[in-house]
């Protein structure tokens, strides 16, 4: 801001409980629903306002498409869920996917 003394501004912010630090970031990636934004060598400021931290990223992002994760569910994993819960293979596959491929969670969700 024009006409403001940076030292006075920093002192006033400190009085209000605002602390600001520059982080030595090399890369920042923001994952959106259909793509990701990648900032190489950005300026990143961490602002701490009475314990609530926010981050400000300044730079020019490049856009990259998201790569869809292809995971094959092992037949032994499906059989384990079927054996533990008595459900069908189709239900076991769905439960494993819904549990983000965590077998214990899939078994628990089908057991409820």
N, C-alpha and C. Protein backbone atom coordinates (compact mmCIF):
# COMPACT_ATOMS: atom_id res chain seq x y z
N UNK A 1 0.84 -1.17 0.00
CA UNK A 1 0.00 0.00 0.00
C UNK A 1 0.89 1.25 0.00
N UNK A 2 0.48 2.18 -0.73
CA UNK A 2 1.26 3.39 -0.91
C UNK A 2 1.25 4.25 0.35
N UNK A 3 2.45 4.74 0.74
CA UNK A 3 2.55 5.65 1.86
C UNK A 3 2.63 4.98 3.22
N UNK A 4 2.58 3.65 3.29
CA UNK A 4 2.66 2.95 4.57
C UNK A 4 4.08 2.49 4.82
N UNK A 5 4.54 2.69 6.01
CA UNK A 5 5.86 2.25 6.41
C UNK A 5 5.78 0.75 6.70
N UNK A 6 6.59 -0.07 5.99
CA UNK A 6 6.52 -1.53 6.20
C UNK A 6 6.78 -1.95 7.65
N UNK A 7 7.71 -1.26 8.33
CA UNK A 7 8.00 -1.60 9.73
C UNK A 7 6.79 -1.33 10.62
N UNK A 8 6.14 -0.18 10.39
CA UNK A 8 4.95 0.16 11.18
C UNK A 8 3.81 -0.82 10.90
N UNK A 9 3.69 -1.20 9.62
CA UNK A 9 2.64 -2.15 9.24
C UNK A 9 2.87 -3.49 9.93
N UNK A 10 4.11 -3.96 9.95
CA UNK A 10 4.43 -5.24 10.59
C UNK A 10 4.17 -5.16 12.09
N UNK A 11 4.52 -4.03 12.70
CA UNK A 11 4.29 -3.84 14.13
C UNK A 11 2.80 -3.83 14.45
N UNK A 12 2.01 -3.16 13.60
CA UNK A 12 0.55 -3.11 13.81
C UNK A 12 -0.06 -4.51 13.66
N UNK A 13 0.42 -5.27 12.66
CA UNK A 13 -0.08 -6.63 12.47
C UNK A 13 0.25 -7.50 13.68
N UNK A 14 1.46 -7.33 14.22
CA UNK A 14 1.87 -8.11 15.38
C UNK A 14 0.98 -7.79 16.58
N UNK A 15 0.63 -6.52 16.74
CA UNK A 15 -0.27 -6.10 17.83
C UNK A 15 -1.63 -6.77 17.71
N UNK A 16 -2.08 -6.96 16.46
CA UNK A 16 -3.39 -7.59 16.23
C UNK A 16 -3.31 -9.11 16.28
N UNK A 17 -2.13 -9.64 16.55
CA UNK A 17 -1.98 -11.09 16.63
C UNK A 17 -1.77 -11.75 15.29
N UNK A 18 -1.27 -11.00 14.31
CA UNK A 18 -1.06 -11.54 12.97
C UNK A 18 0.44 -11.69 12.74
N UNK A 19 0.85 -12.92 12.42
CA UNK A 19 2.26 -13.20 12.13
C UNK A 19 2.34 -13.69 10.69
N UNK A 20 3.30 -13.18 9.93
CA UNK A 20 3.42 -13.54 8.53
C UNK A 20 4.85 -13.98 8.24
N UNK A 21 5.00 -15.15 7.61
CA UNK A 21 6.32 -15.67 7.26
C UNK A 21 6.32 -16.13 5.81
N UNK A 22 7.44 -15.94 5.14
CA UNK A 22 7.58 -16.47 3.77
C UNK A 22 8.14 -17.88 3.88
N UNK A 23 7.53 -18.80 3.15
CA UNK A 23 7.99 -20.19 3.15
C UNK A 23 8.86 -20.44 1.92
N UNK A 24 9.93 -21.20 2.06
CA UNK A 24 10.82 -21.47 0.93
C UNK A 24 10.28 -22.61 0.05
N UNK A 25 9.12 -22.42 -0.53
CA UNK A 25 8.47 -23.48 -1.32
C UNK A 25 9.12 -23.61 -2.69
N UNK A 26 9.26 -24.85 -3.14
CA UNK A 26 9.78 -25.12 -4.48
C UNK A 26 8.64 -25.41 -5.45
N UNK A 27 7.56 -26.00 -4.92
CA UNK A 27 6.43 -26.35 -5.78
C UNK A 27 5.18 -26.45 -4.93
N UNK A 28 4.06 -25.98 -5.48
CA UNK A 28 2.76 -26.11 -4.82
C UNK A 28 1.81 -26.73 -5.84
N UNK A 29 1.10 -27.77 -5.42
CA UNK A 29 0.13 -28.43 -6.29
C UNK A 29 -1.24 -28.36 -5.64
N UNK A 30 -2.22 -27.90 -6.41
CA UNK A 30 -3.60 -27.83 -5.94
C UNK A 30 -4.42 -28.79 -6.80
N UNK A 31 -5.02 -29.79 -6.16
CA UNK A 31 -5.82 -30.78 -6.87
C UNK A 31 -7.27 -30.32 -6.92
N UNK A 32 -7.76 -30.10 -8.11
CA UNK A 32 -9.16 -29.75 -8.32
C UNK A 32 -9.89 -31.01 -8.77
N UNK A 33 -11.18 -30.91 -8.98
CA UNK A 33 -11.95 -32.09 -9.36
C UNK A 33 -11.53 -32.68 -10.71
N UNK A 34 -11.21 -31.82 -11.67
CA UNK A 34 -10.92 -32.31 -13.02
C UNK A 34 -9.49 -32.05 -13.49
N UNK A 35 -8.69 -31.35 -12.69
CA UNK A 35 -7.32 -31.03 -13.08
C UNK A 35 -6.53 -30.64 -11.85
N UNK A 36 -5.25 -30.41 -12.05
CA UNK A 36 -4.46 -29.88 -10.94
C UNK A 36 -3.67 -28.67 -11.43
N UNK A 37 -3.47 -27.74 -10.52
CA UNK A 37 -2.69 -26.54 -10.79
C UNK A 37 -1.33 -26.72 -10.12
N UNK A 38 -0.26 -26.52 -10.89
CA UNK A 38 1.09 -26.70 -10.37
C UNK A 38 1.83 -25.37 -10.45
N UNK A 39 2.28 -24.90 -9.31
CA UNK A 39 3.06 -23.66 -9.22
C UNK A 39 4.51 -24.04 -8.98
N UNK A 40 5.39 -23.76 -9.92
CA UNK A 40 6.82 -23.99 -9.73
C UNK A 40 7.46 -22.72 -9.20
N UNK A 41 8.29 -22.86 -8.17
CA UNK A 41 8.98 -21.73 -7.53
C UNK A 41 8.02 -20.58 -7.17
N UNK A 42 6.94 -20.87 -6.45
CA UNK A 42 5.99 -19.81 -6.09
C UNK A 42 6.48 -19.02 -4.88
N UNK A 43 5.87 -17.88 -4.67
CA UNK A 43 6.04 -17.15 -3.42
C UNK A 43 4.90 -17.62 -2.52
N UNK A 44 5.25 -18.15 -1.37
CA UNK A 44 4.23 -18.66 -0.45
C UNK A 44 4.38 -17.96 0.90
N UNK A 45 3.29 -17.36 1.34
CA UNK A 45 3.27 -16.69 2.63
C UNK A 45 2.35 -17.47 3.57
N UNK A 46 2.82 -17.70 4.78
CA UNK A 46 2.01 -18.32 5.83
C UNK A 46 1.59 -17.20 6.77
N UNK A 47 0.29 -17.03 6.93
CA UNK A 47 -0.24 -15.99 7.80
C UNK A 47 -0.92 -16.68 8.98
N UNK A 48 -0.46 -16.37 10.16
CA UNK A 48 -1.02 -16.94 11.39
C UNK A 48 -1.77 -15.84 12.12
N UNK A 49 -3.11 -15.96 12.13
CA UNK A 49 -3.95 -15.00 12.83
C UNK A 49 -4.55 -15.67 14.04
N UNK A 50 -3.95 -15.44 15.19
CA UNK A 50 -4.43 -15.99 16.45
C UNK A 50 -4.64 -17.50 16.36
N UNK A 51 -3.66 -18.20 15.80
CA UNK A 51 -3.71 -19.65 15.73
C UNK A 51 -4.34 -20.21 14.47
N UNK A 52 -5.00 -19.40 13.68
CA UNK A 52 -5.58 -19.85 12.41
C UNK A 52 -4.61 -19.53 11.29
N UNK A 53 -4.10 -20.58 10.65
CA UNK A 53 -3.11 -20.38 9.59
C UNK A 53 -3.78 -20.40 8.22
N UNK A 54 -3.37 -19.45 7.40
CA UNK A 54 -3.79 -19.42 6.00
C UNK A 54 -2.53 -19.28 5.16
N UNK A 55 -2.64 -19.68 3.89
CA UNK A 55 -1.49 -19.65 3.00
C UNK A 55 -1.86 -18.88 1.74
N UNK A 56 -0.93 -18.04 1.32
CA UNK A 56 -1.12 -17.26 0.10
C UNK A 56 -0.07 -17.72 -0.89
N UNK A 57 -0.52 -18.12 -2.08
CA UNK A 57 0.39 -18.60 -3.12
C UNK A 57 0.36 -17.61 -4.27
N UNK A 58 1.53 -17.13 -4.65
CA UNK A 58 1.64 -16.20 -5.76
C UNK A 58 2.56 -16.80 -6.81
N UNK A 59 2.08 -16.85 -8.04
CA UNK A 59 2.87 -17.39 -9.13
C UNK A 59 1.97 -17.76 -10.29
N UNK A 60 2.58 -18.19 -11.37
CA UNK A 60 1.80 -18.58 -12.54
C UNK A 60 1.70 -20.11 -12.58
N UNK A 61 0.47 -20.64 -12.49
CA UNK A 61 0.33 -22.10 -12.48
C UNK A 61 0.29 -22.68 -13.89
N UNK A 62 0.72 -23.93 -13.97
CA UNK A 62 0.48 -24.70 -15.19
C UNK A 62 -0.64 -25.69 -14.84
N UNK A 63 -1.46 -26.03 -15.82
CA UNK A 63 -2.56 -26.96 -15.59
C UNK A 63 -2.17 -28.34 -16.08
N UNK A 64 -2.51 -29.34 -15.29
CA UNK A 64 -2.24 -30.72 -15.67
C UNK A 64 -3.52 -31.52 -15.45
N UNK A 65 -3.80 -32.46 -16.35
CA UNK A 65 -4.98 -33.30 -16.14
C UNK A 65 -4.73 -34.27 -14.98
N UNK A 66 -5.78 -34.63 -14.30
CA UNK A 66 -5.66 -35.62 -13.24
C UNK A 66 -5.57 -37.00 -13.85
N UNK A 67 -4.69 -37.81 -13.34
CA UNK A 67 -4.59 -39.18 -13.82
C UNK A 67 -5.46 -40.05 -12.93
N UNK A 68 -6.34 -40.77 -13.55
CA UNK A 68 -7.25 -41.61 -12.79
C UNK A 68 -6.49 -42.82 -12.26
N UNK A 69 -6.72 -43.10 -11.00
CA UNK A 69 -6.05 -44.23 -10.36
C UNK A 69 -6.76 -45.53 -10.73
N UNK A 70 -6.03 -46.42 -11.35
CA UNK A 70 -6.60 -47.72 -11.71
C UNK A 70 -6.07 -48.76 -10.73
N UNK A 71 -6.97 -49.30 -9.95
CA UNK A 71 -6.59 -50.30 -8.96
C UNK A 71 -7.35 -51.57 -9.27
N UNK A 72 -6.62 -52.66 -9.32
CA UNK A 72 -7.24 -53.96 -9.54
C UNK A 72 -7.41 -54.61 -8.18
N UNK A 73 -8.62 -55.05 -7.89
CA UNK A 73 -8.87 -55.69 -6.60
C UNK A 73 -8.51 -57.17 -6.74
N UNK A 74 -7.62 -57.60 -5.88
CA UNK A 74 -7.13 -58.97 -5.88
C UNK A 74 -8.26 -59.93 -5.51
N UNK A 75 -8.33 -61.05 -6.18
CA UNK A 75 -9.38 -62.04 -5.93
C UNK A 75 -9.31 -62.57 -4.49
N UNK A 76 -8.10 -62.68 -3.95
CA UNK A 76 -7.95 -63.13 -2.56
C UNK A 76 -8.58 -62.13 -1.59
N UNK A 77 -8.45 -60.83 -1.90
CA UNK A 77 -9.06 -59.80 -1.05
C UNK A 77 -10.58 -59.90 -1.09
N UNK A 78 -11.11 -60.10 -2.29
CA UNK A 78 -12.57 -60.26 -2.43
C UNK A 78 -13.04 -61.47 -1.63
N UNK A 79 -12.31 -62.57 -1.77
CA UNK A 79 -12.69 -63.80 -1.06
C UNK A 79 -12.61 -63.62 0.45
N UNK A 80 -11.63 -62.88 0.93
CA UNK A 80 -11.50 -62.61 2.37
C UNK A 80 -12.74 -61.87 2.88
N UNK A 81 -13.17 -60.84 2.15
CA UNK A 81 -14.35 -60.08 2.56
C UNK A 81 -15.60 -60.97 2.51
N UNK A 82 -15.73 -61.77 1.46
CA UNK A 82 -16.88 -62.69 1.34
C UNK A 82 -16.89 -63.66 2.52
N UNK A 83 -15.73 -64.25 2.83
CA UNK A 83 -15.63 -65.22 3.92
C UNK A 83 -15.97 -64.59 5.27
N UNK A 84 -15.54 -63.37 5.47
CA UNK A 84 -15.74 -62.71 6.77
C UNK A 84 -17.17 -62.19 6.96
N UNK A 85 -17.84 -61.85 5.84
CA UNK A 85 -19.15 -61.21 5.98
C UNK A 85 -20.31 -62.02 5.41
N UNK A 86 -20.02 -62.99 4.56
CA UNK A 86 -21.08 -63.77 3.95
C UNK A 86 -21.78 -63.05 2.81
N UNK A 87 -21.21 -61.96 2.33
CA UNK A 87 -21.82 -61.21 1.23
C UNK A 87 -21.44 -61.82 -0.12
N UNK A 88 -22.01 -61.29 -1.18
CA UNK A 88 -21.67 -61.75 -2.53
C UNK A 88 -20.35 -61.11 -2.96
N UNK A 89 -19.76 -61.64 -4.04
CA UNK A 89 -18.52 -61.07 -4.57
C UNK A 89 -18.76 -59.63 -5.04
N UNK A 90 -19.92 -59.41 -5.66
CA UNK A 90 -20.24 -58.06 -6.15
C UNK A 90 -20.30 -57.07 -4.99
N UNK A 91 -20.96 -57.48 -3.90
CA UNK A 91 -21.05 -56.61 -2.72
C UNK A 91 -19.66 -56.37 -2.11
N UNK A 92 -18.84 -57.43 -2.11
CA UNK A 92 -17.49 -57.31 -1.56
C UNK A 92 -16.66 -56.31 -2.36
N UNK A 93 -16.73 -56.40 -3.70
CA UNK A 93 -15.98 -55.47 -4.56
C UNK A 93 -16.40 -54.03 -4.29
N UNK A 94 -17.71 -53.81 -4.21
CA UNK A 94 -18.22 -52.46 -3.98
C UNK A 94 -17.77 -51.93 -2.62
N UNK A 95 -17.84 -52.78 -1.61
CA UNK A 95 -17.44 -52.37 -0.26
C UNK A 95 -15.95 -52.04 -0.21
N UNK A 96 -15.14 -52.81 -0.92
CA UNK A 96 -13.70 -52.55 -0.95
C UNK A 96 -13.42 -51.22 -1.64
N UNK A 97 -14.08 -50.95 -2.75
CA UNK A 97 -13.91 -49.67 -3.44
C UNK A 97 -14.38 -48.52 -2.57
N UNK A 98 -15.56 -48.67 -1.94
CA UNK A 98 -16.11 -47.62 -1.09
C UNK A 98 -15.22 -47.33 0.12
N UNK A 99 -14.47 -48.35 0.57
CA UNK A 99 -13.58 -48.20 1.71
C UNK A 99 -12.17 -47.79 1.27
N UNK A 100 -12.05 -47.33 0.04
CA UNK A 100 -10.76 -46.90 -0.53
C UNK A 100 -9.72 -48.02 -0.41
N UNK A 101 -10.17 -49.25 -0.70
CA UNK A 101 -9.33 -50.44 -0.78
C UNK A 101 -8.76 -50.88 0.57
N UNK A 102 -9.43 -50.48 1.64
CA UNK A 102 -9.05 -50.89 2.99
C UNK A 102 -9.95 -52.08 3.36
N UNK A 103 -9.36 -53.28 3.40
CA UNK A 103 -10.15 -54.50 3.64
C UNK A 103 -10.84 -54.49 4.99
N UNK A 104 -10.13 -54.07 6.03
CA UNK A 104 -10.74 -54.07 7.36
C UNK A 104 -11.96 -53.15 7.37
N UNK A 105 -11.85 -51.99 6.77
CA UNK A 105 -12.98 -51.05 6.72
C UNK A 105 -14.14 -51.64 5.90
N UNK A 106 -13.81 -52.31 4.80
CA UNK A 106 -14.84 -52.93 3.96
C UNK A 106 -15.60 -53.99 4.77
N UNK A 107 -14.88 -54.79 5.51
CA UNK A 107 -15.50 -55.85 6.33
C UNK A 107 -16.38 -55.21 7.41
N UNK A 108 -15.86 -54.18 8.06
CA UNK A 108 -16.65 -53.49 9.09
C UNK A 108 -17.93 -52.89 8.52
N UNK A 109 -17.83 -52.27 7.35
CA UNK A 109 -19.03 -51.62 6.78
C UNK A 109 -20.08 -52.65 6.40
N UNK A 110 -19.66 -53.82 5.95
CA UNK A 110 -20.63 -54.87 5.61
C UNK A 110 -21.17 -55.59 6.83
N UNK A 111 -20.45 -55.52 7.94
CA UNK A 111 -20.87 -56.20 9.17
C UNK A 111 -21.86 -55.39 9.98
N UNK A 112 -22.02 -54.10 9.65
CA UNK A 112 -22.91 -53.25 10.43
C UNK A 112 -24.36 -53.50 10.10
